[in-house]
Protein backbone atom coordinates (compact mmCIF):
# COMPACT_ATOMS: atom_id res chain seq x y z
CA MET A 1 166.13 86.48 118.91
CA GLY A 2 162.63 87.87 118.93
CA ASN A 3 160.52 90.35 117.05
CA TYR A 4 160.68 92.97 119.79
CA LEU A 5 163.17 91.79 122.43
CA ASN A 6 166.76 91.45 121.24
CA ILE A 7 166.09 91.32 117.49
CA GLY A 8 169.79 90.88 116.66
CA ASN A 9 172.00 92.63 114.09
CA ALA A 10 170.52 91.41 110.79
CA GLY A 11 169.03 94.82 110.00
CA PHE A 12 172.29 96.71 110.36
CA SER A 13 174.23 93.94 108.62
CA ALA A 14 171.99 94.43 105.57
CA VAL A 15 172.54 98.20 105.72
CA MET A 16 176.29 97.66 105.74
CA LYS A 17 176.13 95.70 102.49
CA GLY A 18 174.87 98.77 100.63
CA ALA A 19 176.39 102.24 100.16
CA TYR A 20 176.82 102.83 103.88
CA VAL A 21 178.07 106.15 105.24
CA ASP A 22 179.63 105.67 108.67
CA LYS A 23 177.47 107.27 111.38
CA THR A 24 178.64 105.10 114.25
CA GLU A 25 180.11 108.01 116.22
CA MET A 26 176.54 108.55 117.41
CA ILE A 27 176.99 105.40 119.50
CA ALA A 28 179.67 107.13 121.56
CA PHE A 29 177.23 109.94 122.32
CA ILE A 30 174.50 107.49 123.43
CA ASN A 31 177.10 105.61 125.51
CA SER A 32 177.83 108.83 127.39
CA THR A 33 174.18 109.05 128.42
CA LEU A 34 173.72 105.47 129.66
CA GLY A 35 172.34 105.32 133.18
CA THR A 36 172.34 109.11 133.57
CA LYS A 37 169.48 111.57 133.80
CA ASP A 38 170.16 112.37 130.12
CA LYS A 39 169.54 108.79 129.05
CA LEU A 40 166.33 109.58 127.13
CA THR A 41 167.06 110.79 123.58
CA CYS A 42 164.64 111.74 120.80
CA VAL A 43 165.83 112.62 117.28
CA SER A 44 163.24 114.06 114.91
CA ARG A 45 163.93 114.32 111.18
CA PRO A 46 161.81 114.17 108.00
CA ARG A 47 161.07 110.82 106.38
CA ARG A 48 163.92 109.05 104.60
CA PHE A 49 166.65 110.98 106.42
CA GLY A 50 168.32 107.87 107.86
CA LYS A 51 166.50 107.63 111.20
CA SER A 52 165.72 103.92 110.85
CA TYR A 53 169.31 103.12 109.85
CA ALA A 54 170.51 104.75 113.05
CA ALA A 55 167.97 102.76 115.09
CA GLN A 56 169.11 99.49 113.51
CA MET A 57 172.73 100.45 114.18
CA LEU A 58 171.99 100.92 117.88
CA CYS A 59 170.13 97.61 118.05
CA ALA A 60 173.12 95.79 116.57
CA TYR A 61 175.53 97.47 118.98
CA TYR A 62 173.68 97.04 122.28
CA ASP A 63 171.78 93.74 121.74
CA ARG A 64 173.18 91.07 124.09
CA SER A 65 171.76 88.21 121.97
CA CYS A 66 174.34 88.66 119.19
CA ASN A 67 178.04 89.32 118.67
CA SER A 68 178.55 92.44 116.54
CA GLU A 69 182.23 93.10 117.15
CA ALA A 70 183.24 92.13 113.60
CA LEU A 71 180.40 94.20 112.16
CA PHE A 72 181.74 97.39 113.79
CA ALA A 73 185.46 96.56 113.67
CA ASN A 74 186.27 98.85 110.73
CA LEU A 75 183.88 101.65 111.66
CA LYS A 76 184.61 104.85 113.58
CA ILE A 77 183.09 103.70 116.88
CA ALA A 78 185.70 100.92 117.16
CA ASN A 79 188.29 103.58 118.03
CA ASP A 80 186.23 105.03 120.87
CA PRO A 81 187.22 104.08 124.48
CA SER A 82 183.62 103.11 125.27
CA PHE A 83 183.31 100.69 122.35
CA LYS A 84 183.97 97.34 124.02
CA GLU A 85 182.54 98.35 127.40
CA HIS A 86 178.96 98.48 126.11
CA LEU A 87 179.13 96.27 123.01
CA ASN A 88 176.30 93.66 123.13
CA GLN A 89 175.71 94.09 126.86
CA TYR A 90 172.01 94.96 127.10
CA ASN A 91 168.49 93.73 126.60
CA VAL A 92 167.13 95.81 123.76
CA ILE A 93 163.44 96.33 123.07
CA TYR A 94 162.90 97.56 119.52
CA LEU A 95 159.50 98.94 118.52
CA ASP A 96 158.79 99.94 114.92
CA MET A 97 155.55 101.88 115.37
CA THR A 98 154.73 102.04 111.67
CA LEU A 99 154.98 98.24 111.53
CA PHE A 100 152.72 97.90 114.56
CA ILE A 101 150.13 100.16 112.96
CA ALA A 102 150.25 98.26 109.66
CA GLY A 103 149.87 94.92 111.43
CA THR A 104 147.03 95.86 113.76
CA PRO A 105 143.56 95.12 112.28
CA ASP A 106 141.90 97.70 114.54
CA ILE A 107 144.19 100.58 115.38
CA LYS A 108 142.24 101.22 118.59
CA ASP A 109 143.79 98.00 119.96
CA ILE A 110 147.36 98.99 119.19
CA VAL A 111 148.46 100.03 122.70
CA THR A 112 147.11 96.94 124.43
CA GLY A 113 148.37 94.74 121.58
CA LEU A 114 151.84 96.26 121.77
CA GLN A 115 152.08 95.61 125.51
CA SER A 116 150.86 92.02 125.30
CA LYS A 117 153.25 91.08 122.46
CA VAL A 118 156.31 92.52 124.20
CA ILE A 119 155.34 91.03 127.56
CA GLU A 120 154.97 87.60 125.92
CA GLU A 121 158.52 87.71 124.52
CA VAL A 122 160.03 89.02 127.74
CA ARG A 123 158.30 86.29 129.77
CA GLU A 124 159.60 83.61 127.39
CA SER A 125 163.16 84.81 127.91
CA TYR A 126 162.84 85.40 131.68
CA PRO A 127 160.31 82.96 133.13
CA GLN A 128 161.91 83.30 136.57
CA ALA A 129 160.73 86.89 136.97
CA LYS A 130 157.42 87.62 138.68
CA LYS A 131 154.40 87.87 136.41
CA ALA A 132 152.66 91.17 135.77
CA SER A 133 149.87 92.41 133.52
CA THR A 134 151.56 95.66 132.48
CA LEU A 135 154.72 96.15 130.46
CA PHE A 136 156.45 98.51 132.88
CA GLU A 137 155.89 96.12 135.83
CA THR A 138 157.12 93.15 133.78
CA LEU A 139 160.34 94.93 132.85
CA SER A 140 160.80 96.08 136.43
CA TYR A 141 160.55 92.52 137.74
CA VAL A 142 163.00 91.23 135.11
CA ALA A 143 165.52 93.95 135.99
CA GLU A 144 165.09 93.09 139.66
CA ALA A 145 165.53 89.35 139.08
CA THR A 146 168.49 89.54 136.70
CA GLY A 147 170.20 92.86 137.36
CA ASN A 148 169.92 93.63 133.64
CA LYS A 149 168.29 96.89 132.55
CA PHE A 150 166.67 97.52 129.19
CA ILE A 151 167.48 99.83 126.32
CA PHE A 152 164.43 100.99 124.38
CA ILE A 153 164.69 101.89 120.70
CA ILE A 154 161.43 103.21 119.27
CA ASP A 155 161.40 104.03 115.56
CA GLU A 156 158.78 106.55 114.33
CA TRP A 157 157.40 106.94 117.85
CA ASP A 158 154.96 109.67 116.71
CA ALA A 159 153.41 107.60 113.88
CA LEU A 160 150.35 106.96 116.03
CA PHE A 161 149.75 110.69 116.44
CA ARG A 162 150.04 111.20 112.71
CA GLU A 163 147.74 108.30 111.84
CA THR A 164 145.09 109.09 114.48
CA LYS A 165 145.17 112.87 114.45
CA ASN A 166 141.77 113.27 116.06
CA ASP A 167 141.57 110.23 118.37
CA THR A 168 142.57 111.92 121.62
CA ASN A 169 141.56 108.90 123.74
CA LEU A 170 143.94 106.57 121.90
CA GLN A 171 146.68 109.20 122.04
CA LYS A 172 146.17 109.54 125.79
CA GLU A 173 146.38 105.75 126.24
CA TYR A 174 149.65 105.70 124.28
CA ILE A 175 151.10 108.56 126.28
CA GLN A 176 150.17 106.86 129.55
CA LEU A 177 152.16 103.80 128.46
CA LEU A 178 155.19 105.94 127.60
CA ARG A 179 154.82 107.83 130.87
CA ALA A 180 154.88 104.59 132.84
CA LEU A 181 158.03 103.50 131.04
CA PHE A 182 160.00 106.75 130.93
CA LYS A 183 158.61 109.08 133.61
CA SER A 184 157.80 107.00 136.65
CA SER A 185 159.44 105.87 139.86
CA LEU A 186 160.43 102.64 138.10
CA THR A 187 162.20 104.24 135.12
CA ASP A 188 165.70 104.37 136.62
CA LYS A 189 165.31 100.85 137.95
CA MET A 190 164.52 99.24 134.59
CA ILE A 191 165.69 101.61 131.81
CA GLU A 192 169.37 102.10 130.96
CA ALA A 193 168.59 104.34 127.98
CA ALA A 194 165.96 105.11 125.37
CA TYR A 195 166.38 106.31 121.80
CA MET A 196 163.33 107.43 119.84
CA THR A 197 162.98 108.70 116.31
CA GLY A 198 160.10 110.69 114.88
CA ILE A 199 159.15 113.46 112.51
CA LEU A 200 157.64 115.99 114.91
CA PRO A 201 159.06 117.29 118.21
CA ILE A 202 157.38 116.02 121.36
CA LYS A 203 157.27 118.71 124.01
CA LYS A 204 153.88 120.26 123.31
CA TYR A 205 151.67 117.24 122.78
CA GLY A 206 148.74 118.43 124.92
CA THR A 207 148.65 116.30 128.10
CA GLN A 208 152.10 115.10 127.28
CA SER A 209 154.27 116.39 130.09
CA ALA A 210 155.03 112.67 130.21
CA MET A 211 157.60 113.17 127.48
CA THR A 212 159.49 116.22 128.68
CA ASP A 213 162.31 114.18 130.20
CA PHE A 214 163.53 113.37 126.69
CA ARG A 215 166.39 115.42 125.31
CA GLU A 216 165.28 116.47 121.83
CA TYR A 217 167.30 117.02 118.66
CA THR A 218 165.12 118.50 115.93
CA MET A 219 165.36 120.28 112.58
CA LEU A 220 165.22 123.53 114.56
CA GLN A 221 167.72 122.63 117.27
CA SER A 222 169.94 119.68 116.40
CA GLU A 223 173.25 120.21 118.23
CA PRO A 224 175.33 118.10 118.80
CA LEU A 225 173.70 115.36 116.70
CA GLU A 226 173.30 117.41 113.54
CA SER A 227 175.75 115.35 111.46
CA TYR A 228 174.57 111.89 112.55
CA VAL A 229 171.21 111.80 110.76
CA GLY A 230 171.50 112.83 107.12
CA PHE A 231 174.64 113.20 104.97
CA THR A 232 177.10 116.03 105.53
CA GLU A 233 178.71 117.96 102.69
CA ASP A 234 182.04 116.16 103.14
CA GLU A 235 180.30 112.78 102.98
CA VAL A 236 178.51 113.74 99.76
CA ARG A 237 181.81 114.91 98.24
CA ILE A 238 183.35 111.50 98.97
CA LEU A 239 180.38 109.73 97.38
CA CYS A 240 180.65 111.98 94.32
CA ALA A 241 184.36 111.22 93.98
CA GLU A 242 183.39 107.61 93.30
CA SER A 243 180.66 108.65 90.87
CA GLN A 244 180.34 110.38 87.50
CA LEU A 245 178.04 112.99 89.01
CA LYS A 246 179.55 116.36 89.90
CA PHE A 247 179.28 117.55 93.49
CA SER A 248 178.14 121.00 92.32
CA GLU A 249 175.12 119.43 90.63
CA LEU A 250 174.16 117.34 93.68
CA GLN A 251 174.60 120.46 95.77
CA ARG A 252 172.12 122.41 93.64
CA TRP A 253 169.58 119.62 93.72
CA TYR A 254 169.83 118.38 97.31
CA ASP A 255 171.71 120.86 99.53
CA GLY A 256 170.00 123.47 101.68
CA TYR A 257 169.17 122.01 105.10
CA ILE A 258 171.31 124.05 107.48
CA LEU A 259 171.52 122.61 110.98
CA GLY A 260 173.56 123.61 114.02
CA ASN A 261 177.08 124.99 113.61
CA ASP A 262 176.26 125.80 109.97
CA ILE A 263 176.41 122.12 108.98
CA HIS A 264 174.68 121.42 105.67
CA ILE A 265 172.71 118.18 105.66
CA TYR A 266 171.64 116.26 102.54
CA ASN A 267 168.76 113.84 102.23
CA PRO A 268 170.37 110.35 102.12
CA LYS A 269 167.54 108.88 100.04
CA SER A 270 168.00 111.44 97.27
CA VAL A 271 171.80 111.32 97.22
CA ILE A 272 172.07 107.53 97.16
CA GLU A 273 169.39 107.21 94.48
CA ALA A 274 171.06 109.86 92.31
CA ILE A 275 174.48 108.22 92.60
CA THR A 276 173.13 104.70 92.11
CA ARG A 277 171.14 105.72 89.03
CA GLN A 278 173.76 108.24 87.84
CA ARG A 279 170.97 110.73 87.29
CA LEU A 280 169.70 113.73 89.24
CA GLY A 281 166.00 113.71 89.98
CA ASN A 282 163.19 113.89 92.48
CA TYR A 283 163.71 110.82 94.64
CA TRP A 284 162.77 111.86 98.16
CA THR A 285 159.63 113.75 97.15
CA THR A 286 158.32 110.77 95.19
CA THR A 287 158.07 108.93 98.52
CA GLU A 288 155.91 111.73 99.92
CA THR A 289 153.78 112.91 96.96
CA TYR A 290 152.90 116.53 96.57
CA GLU A 291 149.41 116.00 98.04
CA SER A 292 150.93 115.94 101.54
CA LEU A 293 152.51 119.32 100.88
CA GLN A 294 149.47 120.67 99.09
CA ILE A 295 147.23 120.16 102.14
CA TYR A 296 149.22 122.72 104.10
CA ILE A 297 150.05 125.29 101.47
CA ASP A 298 146.38 125.41 100.51
CA LEU A 299 145.45 126.62 104.00
CA ASN A 300 143.94 130.08 103.99
CA GLU A 301 146.24 131.61 106.60
CA ASP A 302 147.00 135.32 106.31
CA GLY A 303 150.23 135.91 104.46
CA LEU A 304 150.84 132.24 103.57
CA LYS A 305 150.23 132.68 99.85
CA GLU A 306 152.59 135.64 99.65
CA ALA A 307 155.25 133.80 101.65
CA ILE A 308 155.11 130.83 99.28
CA VAL A 309 155.53 133.05 96.24
CA GLN A 310 158.48 134.87 97.77
CA MET A 311 160.18 131.60 98.70
CA LEU A 312 159.65 130.26 95.18
CA GLY A 313 161.61 133.32 94.11
CA GLY A 314 164.46 132.46 96.48
CA ALA A 315 163.48 134.64 99.45
CA HIS A 316 163.97 133.83 103.13
CA ILE A 317 160.87 134.45 105.29
CA LYS A 318 161.14 135.44 108.96
CA ILE A 319 159.03 133.26 111.27
CA ASP A 320 158.33 132.62 114.94
CA THR A 321 158.59 128.86 115.52
CA GLY A 322 157.46 129.16 119.14
CA THR A 323 153.74 129.15 118.36
CA PHE A 324 153.78 125.72 116.72
CA GLN A 325 152.03 123.06 118.84
CA ASN A 326 153.96 120.11 117.39
CA ASP A 327 151.02 118.43 115.73
CA MET A 328 149.41 118.44 112.31
CA THR A 329 146.01 119.76 113.35
CA THR A 330 146.55 122.76 115.64
CA ILE A 331 147.35 125.29 112.92
CA LYS A 332 146.44 128.84 113.91
CA GLN A 333 148.60 131.05 111.73
CA LYS A 334 151.05 131.22 108.85
CA ASP A 335 154.11 130.59 111.05
CA ASP A 336 152.60 127.31 112.31
CA VAL A 337 152.29 126.06 108.72
CA LEU A 338 155.83 127.08 107.84
CA THR A 339 157.28 125.51 111.00
CA LEU A 340 155.46 122.25 110.30
CA LEU A 341 156.92 122.25 106.77
CA VAL A 342 160.41 122.56 108.30
CA HIS A 343 159.85 119.40 110.33
CA LEU A 344 158.41 117.60 107.31
CA GLY A 345 161.50 118.54 105.26
CA TYR A 346 159.78 120.84 102.76
CA LEU A 347 161.45 123.96 104.16
CA ALA A 348 164.85 124.65 105.69
CA TYR A 349 165.41 126.82 108.77
CA ASN A 350 168.22 129.27 109.42
CA ALA A 351 168.43 129.57 113.21
CA ASP A 352 170.79 132.56 113.08
CA ILE A 353 168.29 134.81 111.32
CA LYS A 354 165.14 132.83 112.27
CA SER A 355 163.93 132.43 108.71
CA VAL A 356 162.68 129.65 106.44
CA PHE A 357 163.31 129.00 102.76
CA ILE A 358 162.93 126.33 100.09
CA PRO A 359 166.17 124.35 100.45
CA ASN A 360 166.93 123.05 96.97
CA GLU A 361 165.78 122.27 93.45
CA GLU A 362 164.19 118.93 94.35
CA VAL A 363 161.88 120.49 96.92
CA ARG A 364 161.25 123.61 94.85
CA GLN A 365 159.87 121.47 92.03
CA GLU A 366 157.55 119.82 94.53
CA PHE A 367 156.26 123.24 95.62
CA VAL A 368 155.63 124.18 92.00
CA ARG A 369 153.65 120.97 91.42
CA ALA A 370 151.63 121.49 94.58
CA VAL A 371 150.64 125.07 93.85
CA ALA A 372 149.95 124.30 90.19
CA THR A 373 147.03 122.06 91.20
CA GLY A 374 146.14 123.72 94.49
CA LYS A 375 143.61 126.28 95.64
CA HIS A 376 145.87 129.29 95.13
CA LYS A 377 145.13 129.58 91.43
CA GLU A 378 146.69 133.03 91.22
CA VAL A 379 150.01 131.56 92.42
CA ALA A 380 149.86 128.82 89.79
CA LYS A 381 149.06 131.44 87.16
CA LEU A 382 152.01 133.56 88.32
CA ILE A 383 154.38 130.61 87.90
CA ARG A 384 153.15 129.89 84.40
CA ASN A 385 153.40 133.58 83.55
CA SER A 386 156.94 133.70 84.94
CA ASP A 387 158.03 130.83 82.70
CA TYR A 388 156.61 132.75 79.73
CA LEU A 389 158.24 136.02 80.88
CA LEU A 390 161.69 134.43 81.05
CA GLU A 391 161.25 132.85 77.63
CA GLN A 392 160.22 136.17 76.07
CA THR A 393 163.05 138.04 77.79
CA LEU A 394 165.58 135.62 76.31
CA ASN A 395 163.88 136.07 72.92
CA MET A 396 164.11 139.87 73.36
CA GLU A 397 160.35 140.25 72.76
CA GLU A 398 159.90 143.63 74.44
CA GLU A 399 156.13 144.00 74.16
CA ALA A 400 155.54 140.45 75.41
CA VAL A 401 157.84 141.09 78.38
CA ALA A 402 155.95 144.28 79.27
CA ALA A 403 152.62 142.44 79.04
CA ALA A 404 153.88 139.59 81.25
CA ILE A 405 155.00 142.08 83.89
CA GLU A 406 151.54 143.67 83.73
CA GLU A 407 150.11 140.20 84.38
CA ALA A 408 152.38 139.67 87.39
CA HIS A 409 151.40 143.06 88.79
CA SER A 410 147.72 142.18 88.66
CA ALA A 411 148.15 138.68 90.12
CA GLY A 412 147.58 139.85 93.69
CA THR A 413 150.86 138.45 95.01
CA ALA A 414 152.82 141.70 94.90
CA PRO A 415 152.15 145.37 95.76
CA MET A 416 149.13 146.51 93.79
CA PHE A 417 149.94 150.21 94.00
CA TYR A 418 153.23 151.72 92.95
CA ASN A 419 154.58 154.73 94.76
CA ASN A 420 158.26 154.41 94.01
CA GLU A 421 160.91 152.37 92.24
CA GLN A 422 161.18 149.99 95.21
CA ALA A 423 157.58 148.86 94.68
CA LEU A 424 158.38 148.22 91.02
CA ARG A 425 161.38 146.13 92.07
CA SER A 426 159.11 144.02 94.27
CA VAL A 427 156.87 143.22 91.30
CA ILE A 428 159.87 142.37 89.12
CA LYS A 429 161.13 139.88 91.73
CA PHE A 430 157.75 138.19 91.75
CA ALA A 431 157.51 138.24 87.96
CA TYR A 432 160.88 136.54 87.43
CA ILE A 433 160.54 133.77 90.04
CA SER A 434 161.20 131.13 87.36
CA CYS A 435 164.74 132.48 87.06
CA VAL A 436 165.61 130.69 90.29
CA ASP A 437 165.87 127.44 88.28
CA GLU A 438 168.78 128.57 86.13
CA PHE A 439 170.00 131.86 87.63
CA LEU A 440 171.43 133.33 90.80
CA LYS A 441 169.61 136.55 91.66
CA ILE A 442 171.73 139.48 92.85
CA GLU A 443 170.12 142.76 93.90
CA GLU A 444 172.00 146.06 93.75
CA LEU A 445 175.17 144.50 92.38
CA PRO A 446 178.04 147.03 92.63
CA SER A 447 179.02 147.64 89.04
CA GLY A 448 180.91 150.43 87.32
CA ARG A 449 179.90 153.76 88.89
CA GLY A 450 176.67 152.60 90.50
CA TYR A 451 174.45 149.66 91.36
CA ALA A 452 172.55 147.49 88.92
CA ASP A 453 169.00 147.00 90.23
CA VAL A 454 168.66 143.26 89.62
CA VAL A 455 171.08 140.84 87.98
CA PHE A 456 170.27 137.24 87.12
CA PHE A 457 173.54 135.34 86.74
CA PRO A 458 173.55 131.79 85.26
CA LYS A 459 174.25 129.17 87.92
CA ARG A 460 176.40 127.06 85.62
CA ALA A 461 177.80 126.96 82.11
CA SER A 462 174.46 126.54 80.39
CA GLY A 463 174.82 129.05 77.58
CA MET A 464 172.28 131.33 79.25
CA PRO A 465 173.01 135.07 79.10
CA VAL A 466 173.37 137.32 82.11
CA LEU A 467 170.18 139.39 82.58
CA LEU A 468 171.05 142.89 83.79
CA ILE A 469 167.78 144.64 84.71
CA GLU A 470 167.47 148.37 85.36
CA LEU A 471 164.18 149.78 86.64
CA LYS A 472 162.64 153.22 86.20
CA TRP A 473 159.51 154.59 87.80
CA ASN A 474 157.64 157.20 85.80
CA LYS A 475 160.57 157.80 83.43
CA SER A 476 161.39 155.68 80.36
CA ASP A 477 162.75 152.30 79.38
CA GLU A 478 165.23 154.06 77.07
CA GLY A 479 166.46 155.96 80.12
CA ALA A 480 167.00 152.70 81.94
CA ILE A 481 169.17 151.33 79.10
CA SER A 482 171.05 154.63 78.88
CA GLN A 483 171.83 154.54 82.59
CA ILE A 484 173.19 151.00 82.27
CA LYS A 485 175.58 152.14 79.56
CA LYS A 486 176.47 155.46 81.18
CA GLN A 487 177.30 153.91 84.53
CA HIS A 488 179.23 151.02 82.92
CA TYR A 489 177.24 148.39 84.81
CA PRO A 490 178.30 145.52 82.50
CA LYS A 491 181.99 146.09 83.30
CA ARG A 492 181.53 144.12 86.52
CA LEU A 493 180.24 141.18 84.48
CA GLU A 494 182.81 141.02 81.69
CA ALA A 495 184.62 138.10 83.30
CA TYR A 496 181.53 135.98 82.62
CA GLY A 497 182.61 135.73 79.00
CA GLY A 498 179.12 135.04 77.71
CA GLU A 499 176.25 137.09 76.39
CA ILE A 500 174.76 139.90 78.50
CA LEU A 501 171.22 141.17 77.97
CA LEU A 502 170.43 144.70 79.10
CA VAL A 503 166.78 144.93 80.17
CA GLY A 504 165.24 148.35 80.88
CA ILE A 505 161.77 148.38 82.48
CA ASN A 506 159.70 151.50 83.22
CA TYR A 507 156.30 152.08 84.80
CA ASP A 508 154.40 155.17 83.62
CA VAL A 509 152.13 156.62 86.30
CA LYS A 510 149.88 158.47 83.82
CA THR A 511 149.22 155.51 81.51
CA GLN A 512 149.62 152.91 84.30
CA LYS A 513 151.55 150.77 81.86
CA HIS A 514 154.91 149.01 81.85
CA THR A 515 157.27 149.33 78.92
CA CYS A 516 160.44 147.41 78.14
CA ARG A 517 163.60 147.82 76.10
CA ILE A 518 166.08 144.93 75.62
CA GLU A 519 169.53 145.12 74.04
CA LYS A 520 172.55 142.89 73.82
CA TRP A 521 175.73 144.24 75.34
CA GLY A 522 177.91 144.88 72.31
CA LYS A 523 181.30 143.27 71.98
């Protein structure tokens, strides 16, 4: 066994000794591509979403230098007709690009160093094959001499692009190597299949038509591999059944990534850490640090600041993902930033309505930390003001609530000029963005004889009251409370069984002031 050629099954064996969730059905999919024109597969997911585990699984299955039958015997792939046909039948070349980068004193030498190290191991195993100075020729001669093709598994293939964002010469050298391996007249002769993982998609990397033969499965378009990288909802439920943590709590903290066929994917790092520690918390984001997020949300792209505020309040933002150039430097507009954040795992994407949103509580807290210390000081101020507004609403401090809404109105993240009640509603949504932590926001909830403007309903049995908010423009806060009572809005909420606060908010055009009236619903 070598470091690059046929590394064996030790990596996957170690994975199996932990809290392993069976993803071996992916092997059957890769088996179906062997030797075909679809044999080149690239799966892109954010960091810590299980990409490396999948790569180690494939190494253990295909590597001819080991016997992995017992390792897979009780896993799902063992029941597939293709299981024994391809089990440990191939030469596997495994390249961990992050490891190469870390172990190369001068990163400019990484491409030549990579080739020489792999060639050395291949030559040691197959001295009978003709010598060659390039990797693709060496593999071609071995395949010709032995009749054995190679399977390539490249983990974090795009790490070089992320580490050398501006070194186009080194990027070109790397792409030329990949082109020789996977898009040349020798590819079919020497390559049985290739499986690459990465964070960013590959199709638009400048001169990189070399990579277009790969079939991609990304955070934007993942079918049919959506359930093989990351945990599905059913898998998380099973893990919770063996834990003291409730599924509903893990769902609130870690759910939100919606891939093809409406499959919800959870971050494996976060789920396993939470279950192991028996405590919910920020586990994935601590491996990233908010600085990596802050770089992008601090960009001064038109509309980006407003989009961030709306998403912090639970909104979905329409975007065009087609303008994104699949790198971290070619950012031309707001949609490019938001699309990049989808691939990095900081936003989720709904393909049906082509919109992005903050997926869960773990990531939302990271956004709050990033904006709190970032360049958008008015956004940070709005968040602090929103925390204060919620506190004062719960304390029924009417004047303080009115003043906090005034502050939100002047923050520059909502319509500055009122012309109707709808504009007032927009400001209220911005002002109460902190409610997303503890409340589910419902707009125009059918209730009694009309519609309540905004209702914040507690997400769980926390003792929090329902906040039923009625808005008036150029009328009175008393009129707002009267309308709530007259139209019997609280009737729809009686099943809640807890306290209900009636909040009437009015904006007076003449005085240009907000006023507030708060009452408890009497029982």
